[in-house]
Amino acid sequence: MKSEVYSWRLSPTLKHALEEVSRQEGAPISTLLERIVADWLSVHRQERNQLETEQERLHAAAAATFGAIQGHNPKRSEQVRSLVRTRLVNRRAS
């Protein structure tokens, strides 16, 4: 049962084309529009699902590389600020 109403403006060319197809198919324009929108939504959902699947695949591939960086200084993350400042000072002095 259809109970919702939605209206929008169309160019005269598009309206004429819809009326032509409507006459050829022997179906009301509302039925034609509902079918067009339903088809578009179906394609849009599939594309979105494919994109989400691709994003999940990429995330899983990237996650395999996540982890701690091994180094000789276990306190390096705590000393980032001073290490960066020291490097900047050394670069400016050069």
C-alpha atoms as a PDB file:
ATOM      1  CA  MET A   1       0.000   0.000   0.000  1.00  0.00           C
ATOM      2  CA  LYS A   2       1.473   3.318  -1.058  1.00  0.00           C
ATOM      3  CA  SER A   3       0.885   6.171   1.338  1.00  0.00           C
ATOM      4  CA  GLU A   4       3.860   8.481   0.958  1.00  0.00           C
ATOM      5  CA  VAL A   5       3.982  11.408  -1.454  1.00  0.00           C
ATOM      6  CA  TYR A   6       7.154  12.969  -2.775  1.00  0.00           C
ATOM      7  CA  SER A   7       7.344  15.640  -5.422  1.00  0.00           C
ATOM      8  CA  TRP A   8      10.195  17.311  -7.278  1.00  0.00           C
ATOM      9  CA  ARG A   9      10.748  19.485 -10.296  1.00  0.00           C
ATOM     10  CA  LEU A  10      11.891  18.031 -13.604  1.00  0.00           C
ATOM     11  CA  SER A  11      13.168  19.633 -16.745  1.00  0.00           C
ATOM     12  CA  PRO A  12      10.597  19.608 -19.565  1.00  0.00           C
ATOM     13  CA  THR A  13      12.851  17.272 -21.550  1.00  0.00           C
ATOM     14  CA  LEU A  14      13.060  14.727 -18.750  1.00  0.00           C
ATOM     15  CA  LYS A  15       9.339  14.927 -18.078  1.00  0.00           C
ATOM     16  CA  HIS A  16       8.600  14.343 -21.766  1.00  0.00           C
ATOM     17  CA  ALA A  17      10.946  11.338 -21.835  1.00  0.00           C
ATOM     18  CA  LEU A  18       9.231   9.842 -18.769  1.00  0.00           C
ATOM     19  CA  GLU A  19       5.808  10.364 -20.348  1.00  0.00           C
ATOM     20  CA  GLU A  20       6.982   8.627 -23.524  1.00  0.00           C
ATOM     21  CA  VAL A  21       8.273   5.589 -21.647  1.00  0.00           C
ATOM     22  CA  SER A  22       5.141   5.567 -19.529  1.00  0.00           C
ATOM     23  CA  ARG A  23       2.960   5.423 -22.653  1.00  0.00           C
ATOM     24  CA  GLN A  24       5.134   2.748 -24.278  1.00  0.00           C
ATOM     25  CA  GLU A  25       5.001   0.522 -21.220  1.00  0.00           C
ATOM     26  CA  GLY A  26       1.368   1.271 -20.437  1.00  0.00           C
ATOM     27  CA  ALA A  27       2.238   2.087 -16.843  1.00  0.00           C
ATOM     28  CA  PRO A  28       1.708   5.246 -14.811  1.00  0.00           C
ATOM     29  CA  ILE A  29       4.653   7.571 -14.375  1.00  0.00           C
ATOM     30  CA  SER A  30       4.534   6.947 -10.613  1.00  0.00           C
ATOM     31  CA  THR A  31       5.065   3.215 -11.188  1.00  0.00           C
ATOM     32  CA  LEU A  32       7.897   3.931 -13.601  1.00  0.00           C
ATOM     33  CA  LEU A  33       9.556   6.320 -11.137  1.00  0.00           C
ATOM     34  CA  GLU A  34       9.188   3.867  -8.276  1.00  0.00           C
ATOM     35  CA  ARG A  35      10.861   1.144 -10.338  1.00  0.00           C
ATOM     36  CA  ILE A  36      13.677   3.499 -11.426  1.00  0.00           C
ATOM     37  CA  VAL A  37      14.341   4.604  -7.849  1.00  0.00           C
ATOM     38  CA  ALA A  38      14.208   1.031  -6.524  1.00  0.00           C
ATOM     39  CA  ASP A  39      16.704  -0.097  -9.194  1.00  0.00           C
ATOM     40  CA  TRP A  40      19.014   2.827  -8.430  1.00  0.00           C
ATOM     41  CA  LEU A  41      18.885   2.151  -4.687  1.00  0.00           C
ATOM     42  CA  SER A  42      19.679  -1.518  -5.269  1.00  0.00           C
ATOM     43  CA  VAL A  43      22.736  -0.654  -7.384  1.00  0.00           C
ATOM     44  CA  HIS A  44      23.790   2.021  -4.875  1.00  0.00           C
ATOM     45  CA  ARG A  45      23.580  -0.461  -1.979  1.00  0.00           C
ATOM     46  CA  GLN A  46      25.621  -3.029  -3.903  1.00  0.00           C
ATOM     47  CA  GLU A  47      28.300  -0.441  -4.700  1.00  0.00           C
ATOM     48  CA  ARG A  48      28.390   0.690  -1.078  1.00  0.00           C
ATOM     49  CA  ASN A  49      28.649  -2.922   0.131  1.00  0.00           C
ATOM     50  CA  GLN A  50      31.489  -3.566  -2.322  1.00  0.00           C
ATOM     51  CA  LEU A  51      33.265  -0.447  -1.100  1.00  0.00           C
ATOM     52  CA  GLU A  52      32.802  -1.466   2.528  1.00  0.00           C
ATOM     53  CA  THR A  53      34.097  -4.956   1.718  1.00  0.00           C
ATOM     54  CA  GLU A  54      37.122  -3.427  -0.010  1.00  0.00           C
ATOM     55  CA  GLN A  55      37.704  -1.117   2.968  1.00  0.00           C
ATOM     56  CA  GLU A  56      37.503  -4.102   5.334  1.00  0.00           C
ATOM     57  CA  ARG A  57      40.005  -6.019   3.178  1.00  0.00           C
ATOM     58  CA  LEU A  58      42.400  -3.057   3.122  1.00  0.00           C
ATOM     59  CA  HIS A  59      42.037  -2.556   6.859  1.00  0.00           C
ATOM     60  CA  ALA A  60      42.768  -6.235   7.519  1.00  0.00           C
ATOM     61  CA  ALA A  61      45.851  -6.062   5.283  1.00  0.00           C
ATOM     62  CA  ALA A  62      47.055  -2.921   7.065  1.00  0.00           C
ATOM     63  CA  ALA A  63      46.270  -4.382  10.494  1.00  0.00           C
ATOM     64  CA  ALA A  64      48.759  -7.157   9.826  1.00  0.00           C
ATOM     65  CA  THR A  65      51.484  -4.501   9.927  1.00  0.00           C
ATOM     66  CA  PHE A  66      50.270  -2.827  13.126  1.00  0.00           C
ATOM     67  CA  GLY A  67      52.363  -3.252  16.208  1.00  0.00           C
ATOM     68  CA  ALA A  68      55.275  -1.866  18.111  1.00  0.00           C
ATOM     69  CA  ILE A  69      58.326  -0.602  16.320  1.00  0.00           C
ATOM     70  CA  GLN A  70      61.407  -2.341  17.603  1.00  0.00           C
ATOM     71  CA  GLY A  71      64.294  -0.106  18.524  1.00  0.00           C
ATOM     72  CA  HIS A  72      67.229   0.245  20.833  1.00  0.00           C
ATOM     73  CA  ASN A  73      65.629   2.896  23.030  1.00  0.00           C
ATOM     74  CA  PRO A  74      62.634   1.608  24.997  1.00  0.00           C
ATOM     75  CA  LYS A  75      61.918   5.153  26.253  1.00  0.00           C
ATOM     76  CA  ARG A  76      61.863   6.693  22.767  1.00  0.00           C
ATOM     77  CA  SER A  77      58.101   7.324  22.760  1.00  0.00           C
ATOM     78  CA  GLU A  78      58.423   9.186  26.053  1.00  0.00           C
ATOM     79  CA  GLN A  79      61.294  11.282  24.702  1.00  0.00           C
ATOM     80  CA  VAL A  80      59.816  12.276  21.333  1.00  0.00           C
ATOM     81  CA  ARG A  81      59.467  15.953  22.200  1.00  0.00           C
ATOM     82  CA  SER A  82      63.040  16.394  23.320  1.00  0.00           C
ATOM     83  CA  LEU A  83      64.421  14.247  20.469  1.00  0.00           C
ATOM     84  CA  VAL A  84      62.563  16.285  17.840  1.00  0.00           C
ATOM     85  CA  ARG A  85      63.676  19.573  19.405  1.00  0.00           C
ATOM     86  CA  THR A  86      67.269  18.380  19.475  1.00  0.00           C
ATOM     87  CA  ARG A  87      67.137  17.399  15.803  1.00  0.00           C
ATOM     88  CA  LEU A  88      65.583  20.749  14.843  1.00  0.00           C
ATOM     89  CA  VAL A  89      68.264  22.644  16.759  1.00  0.00           C
ATOM     90  CA  ASN A  90      70.981  20.571  15.064  1.00  0.00           C
ATOM     91  CA  ARG A  91      69.486  21.224  11.602  1.00  0.00           C
ATOM     92  CA  ARG A  92      69.275  24.960  12.225  1.00  0.00           C
ATOM     93  CA  ALA A  93      72.849  25.018  13.450  1.00  0.00           C
ATOM     94  CA  SER A  94      74.107  23.342  10.269  1.00  0.00           C
END
